[in-house]
């Protein structure tokens, strides 16, 4: 069976973990700044290069720094561009339409992605503060990817490499599917609630 970990090891060699970490950083940075990149999948592919707790923590650190960097840069761009008032009103109405309408929504966003381009939203919503928003982004990132790392580490500790890889990929697909389903159900529920109010 094809092994992603072995393929990455052959591609990058035994001494190029820094390249894998930079790759994961870039994926998370692009995800936070431009468009969705399925960072869960790339995080776990990076982890397969060296499925150890120490390397997992390095990847987690790269993910957190990339999220902060991407969101902060997008926030800065939106802050320095003249955004029409009607767009601000639309963003404000959308956030008020959600069950959680303050910065804590960025924590909920880890499970049910409802706010794309978080940096832009942080800038557009007058009641939101960058420092508080980034706090929830970091907490959410550490919890979500920490759990993914620990579960993947468990699979690699207790199963042979090929089986661990299979279980890990299935786990990530389930995480992504649950996130998408949660977002869909939340949008549907809140859409119904909004129509009835």
C-alpha atoms as a PDB file:
ATOM      1  CA  UNK A   1       0.000   0.000   0.000  1.00  0.00           C
ATOM      2  CA  UNK A   2       1.165   3.528  -0.815  1.00  0.00           C
ATOM      3  CA  UNK A   3       2.528   5.303   2.284  1.00  0.00           C
ATOM      4  CA  UNK A   4       2.241   9.091   2.389  1.00  0.00           C
ATOM      5  CA  UNK A   5       4.756   9.253   5.233  1.00  0.00           C
ATOM      6  CA  UNK A   6       7.354   7.226   3.327  1.00  0.00           C
ATOM      7  CA  UNK A   7       6.705   9.214   0.138  1.00  0.00           C
ATOM      8  CA  UNK A   8       7.275  12.485   2.012  1.00  0.00           C
ATOM      9  CA  UNK A   9      10.349  11.047   3.693  1.00  0.00           C
ATOM     10  CA  UNK A  10      11.741  10.050   0.274  1.00  0.00           C
ATOM     11  CA  UNK A  11      10.803  13.433  -1.207  1.00  0.00           C
ATOM     12  CA  UNK A  12      12.182  15.650   1.566  1.00  0.00           C
ATOM     13  CA  UNK A  13      14.787  13.348   3.080  1.00  0.00           C
ATOM     14  CA  UNK A  14      15.424  12.729   6.774  1.00  0.00           C
ATOM     15  CA  UNK A  15      16.791  16.199   7.553  1.00  0.00           C
ATOM     16  CA  UNK A  16      14.224  18.472   5.923  1.00  0.00           C
ATOM     17  CA  UNK A  17      11.486  18.648   8.530  1.00  0.00           C
ATOM     18  CA  UNK A  18      11.750  22.452   8.295  1.00  0.00           C
ATOM     19  CA  UNK A  19      10.477  22.307   4.697  1.00  0.00           C
ATOM     20  CA  UNK A  20       7.440  20.268   5.805  1.00  0.00           C
ATOM     21  CA  UNK A  21       6.758  22.771   8.604  1.00  0.00           C
ATOM     22  CA  UNK A  22       7.046  25.688   6.127  1.00  0.00           C
ATOM     23  CA  UNK A  23       4.698  23.862   3.750  1.00  0.00           C
ATOM     24  CA  UNK A  24       2.079  23.495   6.509  1.00  0.00           C
ATOM     25  CA  UNK A  25       2.622  27.145   7.489  1.00  0.00           C
ATOM     26  CA  UNK A  26       1.999  28.238   3.881  1.00  0.00           C
ATOM     27  CA  UNK A  27      -1.210  26.175   3.592  1.00  0.00           C
ATOM     28  CA  UNK A  28      -2.614  27.676   6.811  1.00  0.00           C
ATOM     29  CA  UNK A  29      -1.516  31.182   5.805  1.00  0.00           C
ATOM     30  CA  UNK A  30      -3.261  30.893   2.412  1.00  0.00           C
ATOM     31  CA  UNK A  31      -6.348  29.451   4.126  1.00  0.00           C
ATOM     32  CA  UNK A  32      -6.529  32.410   6.532  1.00  0.00           C
ATOM     33  CA  UNK A  33      -5.780  35.060   3.898  1.00  0.00           C
ATOM     34  CA  UNK A  34      -7.175  34.024   0.500  1.00  0.00           C
ATOM     35  CA  UNK A  35      -9.352  30.910   0.195  1.00  0.00           C
ATOM     36  CA  UNK A  36     -10.092  27.555   1.890  1.00  0.00           C
ATOM     37  CA  UNK A  37      -7.337  24.959   1.439  1.00  0.00           C
ATOM     38  CA  UNK A  38      -8.531  22.022   3.610  1.00  0.00           C
ATOM     39  CA  UNK A  39      -5.819  22.683   6.203  1.00  0.00           C
ATOM     40  CA  UNK A  40      -6.851  19.614   8.249  1.00  0.00           C
ATOM     41  CA  UNK A  41      -5.775  17.342   5.417  1.00  0.00           C
ATOM     42  CA  UNK A  42      -2.446  19.093   4.857  1.00  0.00           C
ATOM     43  CA  UNK A  43      -1.762  19.235   8.595  1.00  0.00           C
ATOM     44  CA  UNK A  44      -2.122  15.472   8.838  1.00  0.00           C
ATOM     45  CA  UNK A  45      -0.080  14.855   5.687  1.00  0.00           C
ATOM     46  CA  UNK A  46       2.683  16.949   7.261  1.00  0.00           C
ATOM     47  CA  UNK A  47       2.348  14.990  10.502  1.00  0.00           C
ATOM     48  CA  UNK A  48       2.833  11.704   8.610  1.00  0.00           C
ATOM     49  CA  UNK A  49       6.361  12.840   7.710  1.00  0.00           C
ATOM     50  CA  UNK A  50       7.332  12.339  11.358  1.00  0.00           C
ATOM     51  CA  UNK A  51       4.393  11.144  13.496  1.00  0.00           C
ATOM     52  CA  UNK A  52       5.913  12.108  16.838  1.00  0.00           C
ATOM     53  CA  UNK A  53       4.573  14.392  19.565  1.00  0.00           C
ATOM     54  CA  UNK A  54       7.529  16.791  19.224  1.00  0.00           C
ATOM     55  CA  UNK A  55       7.117  17.214  15.471  1.00  0.00           C
ATOM     56  CA  UNK A  56       3.348  17.502  15.919  1.00  0.00           C
ATOM     57  CA  UNK A  57       3.873  20.400  18.331  1.00  0.00           C
ATOM     58  CA  UNK A  58       6.136  22.102  15.781  1.00  0.00           C
ATOM     59  CA  UNK A  59       3.427  21.727  13.124  1.00  0.00           C
ATOM     60  CA  UNK A  60       0.825  23.029  15.571  1.00  0.00           C
ATOM     61  CA  UNK A  61       3.026  26.055  16.290  1.00  0.00           C
ATOM     62  CA  UNK A  62       3.396  26.688  12.542  1.00  0.00           C
ATOM     63  CA  UNK A  63      -0.383  26.429  12.098  1.00  0.00           C
ATOM     64  CA  UNK A  64      -1.073  28.911  14.905  1.00  0.00           C
ATOM     65  CA  UNK A  65       1.520  31.432  13.670  1.00  0.00           C
ATOM     66  CA  UNK A  66       0.214  31.104  10.092  1.00  0.00           C
ATOM     67  CA  UNK A  67      -3.399  31.684  11.222  1.00  0.00           C
ATOM     68  CA  UNK A  68      -2.414  34.754  13.234  1.00  0.00           C
ATOM     69  CA  UNK A  69      -0.300  36.091  10.334  1.00  0.00           C
ATOM     70  CA  UNK A  70      -2.921  35.500   7.636  1.00  0.00           C
ATOM     71  CA  UNK A  71      -5.841  36.878   9.654  1.00  0.00           C
ATOM     72  CA  UNK A  72      -3.815  39.894  10.835  1.00  0.00           C
ATOM     73  CA  UNK A  73      -2.652  40.706   7.297  1.00  0.00           C
ATOM     74  CA  UNK A  74      -6.191  40.479   5.916  1.00  0.00           C
ATOM     75  CA  UNK A  75      -7.417  42.622   8.827  1.00  0.00           C
ATOM     76  CA  UNK A  76      -4.730  45.220   8.035  1.00  0.00           C
ATOM     77  CA  UNK A  77      -5.620  45.227   4.321  1.00  0.00           C
ATOM     78  CA  UNK A  78      -9.342  45.743   5.005  1.00  0.00           C
ATOM     79  CA  UNK A  79      -8.558  48.426   7.599  1.00  0.00           C
ATOM     80  CA  UNK A  80      -6.560  50.372   4.981  1.00  0.00           C
ATOM     81  CA  UNK A  81      -9.000  49.984   2.094  1.00  0.00           C
ATOM     82  CA  UNK A  82     -12.101  52.122   1.829  1.00  0.00           C
ATOM     83  CA  UNK A  83     -14.913  49.604   2.335  1.00  0.00           C
ATOM     84  CA  UNK A  84     -18.398  50.794   1.324  1.00  0.00           C
ATOM     85  CA  UNK A  85     -20.728  51.279   4.286  1.00  0.00           C
ATOM     86  CA  UNK A  86     -23.308  48.895   2.836  1.00  0.00           C
ATOM     87  CA  UNK A  87     -20.768  46.031   2.910  1.00  0.00           C
ATOM     88  CA  UNK A  88     -20.113  46.776   6.584  1.00  0.00           C
ATOM     89  CA  UNK A  89     -23.858  46.687   7.232  1.00  0.00           C
ATOM     90  CA  UNK A  90     -24.224  43.353   5.422  1.00  0.00           C
ATOM     91  CA  UNK A  91     -21.343  41.859   7.455  1.00  0.00           C
ATOM     92  CA  UNK A  92     -22.841  43.239  10.667  1.00  0.00           C
ATOM     93  CA  UNK A  93     -26.313  41.835   9.846  1.00  0.00           C
ATOM     94  CA  UNK A  94     -24.801  38.457   8.980  1.00  0.00           C
ATOM     95  CA  UNK A  95     -22.902  38.234  12.284  1.00  0.00           C
ATOM     96  CA  UNK A  96     -25.968  39.350  14.286  1.00  0.00           C
ATOM     97  CA  UNK A  97     -27.951  36.652  12.499  1.00  0.00           C
ATOM     98  CA  UNK A  98     -25.655  33.980  14.037  1.00  0.00           C
ATOM     99  CA  UNK A  99     -26.375  32.505  17.466  1.00  0.00           C
ATOM    100  CA  UNK A 100     -22.995  33.741  18.743  1.00  0.00           C
ATOM    101  CA  UNK A 101     -22.410  37.239  17.403  1.00  0.00           C
ATOM    102  CA  UNK A 102     -19.210  38.283  19.177  1.00  0.00           C
ATOM    103  CA  UNK A 103     -15.603  37.138  18.747  1.00  0.00           C
ATOM    104  CA  UNK A 104     -16.451  33.727  20.256  1.00  0.00           C
ATOM    105  CA  UNK A 105     -17.948  32.893  16.856  1.00  0.00           C
ATOM    106  CA  UNK A 106     -14.366  32.351  15.684  1.00  0.00           C
ATOM    107  CA  UNK A 107     -14.158  29.472  18.167  1.00  0.00           C
ATOM    108  CA  UNK A 108     -17.434  28.000  16.891  1.00  0.00           C
ATOM    109  CA  UNK A 109     -16.058  28.520  13.382  1.00  0.00           C
ATOM    110  CA  UNK A 110     -13.583  25.665  14.010  1.00  0.00           C
ATOM    111  CA  UNK A 111     -16.446  23.173  14.205  1.00  0.00           C
ATOM    112  CA  UNK A 112     -19.012  24.804  11.916  1.00  0.00           C
ATOM    113  CA  UNK A 113     -17.268  27.136   9.447  1.00  0.00           C
ATOM    114  CA  UNK A 114     -19.661  30.076   9.072  1.00  0.00           C
ATOM    115  CA  UNK A 115     -17.236  33.007   8.729  1.00  0.00           C
ATOM    116  CA  UNK A 116     -14.894  32.990   5.739  1.00  0.00           C
ATOM    117  CA  UNK A 117     -12.114  35.580   5.564  1.00  0.00           C
ATOM    118  CA  UNK A 118     -12.099  36.068   9.336  1.00  0.00           C
ATOM    119  CA  UNK A 119      -9.611  38.945   9.159  1.00  0.00           C
ATOM    120  CA  UNK A 120     -12.016  40.938   6.998  1.00  0.00           C
ATOM    121  CA  UNK A 121     -14.939  40.270   9.356  1.00  0.00           C
ATOM    122  CA  UNK A 122     -12.878  41.325  12.365  1.00  0.00           C
ATOM    123  CA  UNK A 123     -12.184  44.630  10.634  1.00  0.00           C
ATOM    124  CA  UNK A 124     -15.745  45.173   9.384  1.00  0.00           C
ATOM    125  CA  UNK A 125     -17.580  44.465  12.649  1.00  0.00           C
ATOM    126  CA  UNK A 126     -17.165  47.567  14.814  1.00  0.00           C
ATOM    127  CA  UNK A 127     -17.809  45.743  18.085  1.00  0.00           C
ATOM    128  CA  UNK A 128     -15.112  43.119  17.425  1.00  0.00           C
ATOM    129  CA  UNK A 129     -11.534  43.634  18.675  1.00  0.00           C
ATOM    130  CA  UNK A 130      -8.527  42.109  16.911  1.00  0.00           C
ATOM    131  CA  UNK A 131      -6.782  40.979  20.118  1.00  0.00           C
ATOM    132  CA  UNK A 132      -9.878  39.189  21.441  1.00  0.00           C
ATOM    133  CA  UNK A 133     -10.607  37.657  18.045  1.00  0.00           C
ATOM    134  CA  UNK A 134      -7.046  36.344  17.720  1.00  0.00           C
ATOM    135  CA  UNK A 135      -7.300  34.870  21.213  1.00  0.00           C
ATOM    136  CA  UNK A 136     -10.277  32.756  20.100  1.00  0.00           C
ATOM    137  CA  UNK A 137      -8.552  31.878  16.809  1.00  0.00           C
ATOM    138  CA  UNK A 138      -5.514  30.568  18.705  1.00  0.00           C
ATOM    139  CA  UNK A 139      -7.620  28.638  21.250  1.00  0.00           C
ATOM    140  CA  UNK A 140      -9.673  27.064  18.461  1.00  0.00           C
ATOM    141  CA  UNK A 141      -6.584  26.180  16.430  1.00  0.00           C
ATOM    142  CA  UNK A 142      -4.804  24.577  19.393  1.00  0.00           C
ATOM    143  CA  UNK A 143      -7.879  22.560  20.406  1.00  0.00           C
ATOM    144  CA  UNK A 144      -8.846  21.359  16.928  1.00  0.00           C
ATOM    145  CA  UNK A 145      -5.395  20.547  15.571  1.00  0.00           C
ATOM    146  CA  UNK A 146      -4.178  19.334  18.957  1.00  0.00           C
ATOM    147  CA  UNK A 147      -6.968  16.734  18.963  1.00  0.00           C
ATOM    148  CA  UNK A 148      -6.204  15.805  15.354  1.00  0.00           C
ATOM    149  CA  UNK A 149      -2.506  15.413  16.224  1.00  0.00           C
ATOM    150  CA  UNK A 150      -3.214  13.326  19.345  1.00  0.00           C
ATOM    151  CA  UNK A 151      -5.666  11.032  17.536  1.00  0.00           C
ATOM    152  CA  UNK A 152      -3.221  10.555  14.658  1.00  0.00           C
ATOM    153  CA  UNK A 153      -0.409   9.879  17.133  1.00  0.00           C
ATOM    154  CA  UNK A 154      -2.629   7.273  18.784  1.00  0.00           C
ATOM    155  CA  UNK A 155      -3.179   5.523  15.441  1.00  0.00           C
ATOM    156  CA  UNK A 156       0.562   5.503  14.691  1.00  0.00           C
ATOM    157  CA  UNK A 157       1.385   4.241  18.204  1.00  0.00           C
ATOM    158  CA  UNK A 158      -1.074   1.344  18.191  1.00  0.00           C
ATOM    159  CA  UNK A 159      -1.301   0.269  14.552  1.00  0.00           C
ATOM    160  CA  UNK A 160       1.221  -0.585  11.881  1.00  0.00           C
ATOM    161  CA  UNK A 161       2.153   2.292   9.595  1.00  0.00           C
ATOM    162  CA  UNK A 162      -0.162   1.502   6.648  1.00  0.00           C
ATOM    163  CA  UNK A 163      -3.190   0.878   8.885  1.00  0.00           C
ATOM    164  CA  UNK A 164      -2.420   4.011  10.923  1.00  0.00           C
ATOM    165  CA  UNK A 165      -2.263   6.066   7.721  1.00  0.00           C
ATOM    166  CA  UNK A 166      -5.635   4.677   6.583  1.00  0.00           C
ATOM    167  CA  UNK A 167      -7.319   5.343   9.950  1.00  0.00           C
ATOM    168  CA  UNK A 168      -5.822   8.826  10.109  1.00  0.00           C
ATOM    169  CA  UNK A 169      -7.077   9.782   6.637  1.00  0.00           C
ATOM    170  CA  UNK A 170     -10.541   8.367   7.451  1.00  0.00           C
ATOM    171  CA  UNK A 171     -10.513  10.373  10.695  1.00  0.00           C
ATOM    172  CA  UNK A 172      -9.650  13.596   8.820  1.00  0.00           C
ATOM    173  CA  UNK A 173     -12.349  12.963   6.199  1.00  0.00           C
ATOM    174  CA  UNK A 174     -14.850  12.487   9.039  1.00  0.00           C
ATOM    175  CA  UNK A 175     -13.657  15.729  10.715  1.00  0.00           C
ATOM    176  CA  UNK A 176     -14.065  17.666   7.445  1.00  0.00           C
ATOM    177  CA  UNK A 177     -17.476  16.062   6.735  1.00  0.00           C
ATOM    178  CA  UNK A 178     -18.733  16.795  10.262  1.00  0.00           C
ATOM    179  CA  UNK A 179     -17.550  20.419   9.964  1.00  0.00           C
ATOM    180  CA  UNK A 180     -19.332  20.849   6.637  1.00  0.00           C
ATOM    181  CA  UNK A 181     -22.510  19.186   7.927  1.00  0.00           C
ATOM    182  CA  UNK A 182     -22.463  21.301  11.105  1.00  0.00           C
ATOM    183  CA  UNK A 183     -22.069  24.475   9.034  1.00  0.00           C
ATOM    184  CA  UNK A 184     -24.914  23.445   6.720  1.00  0.00           C
ATOM    185  CA  UNK A 185     -27.251  22.559   9.594  1.00  0.00           C
ATOM    186  CA  UNK A 186     -26.416  25.739  11.496  1.00  0.00           C
ATOM    187  CA  UNK A 187     -27.028  27.910   8.417  1.00  0.00           C
ATOM    188  CA  UNK A 188     -30.298  26.109   7.760  1.00  0.00           C
ATOM    189  CA  UNK A 189     -31.457  26.372  11.374  1.00  0.00           C
ATOM    190  CA  UNK A 190     -30.490  30.015  11.694  1.00  0.00           C
ATOM    191  CA  UNK A 191     -32.045  30.778   8.311  1.00  0.00           C
ATOM    192  CA  UNK A 192     -35.338  29.305   9.526  1.00  0.00           C
ATOM    193  CA  UNK A 193     -35.019  31.184  12.824  1.00  0.00           C
ATOM    194  CA  UNK A 194     -34.319  34.403  10.966  1.00  0.00           C
ATOM    195  CA  UNK A 195     -37.317  33.968   8.678  1.00  0.00           C
ATOM    196  CA  UNK A 196     -39.629  33.302  11.617  1.00  0.00           C
ATOM    197  CA  UNK A 197     -38.495  36.328  13.613  1.00  0.00           C
END
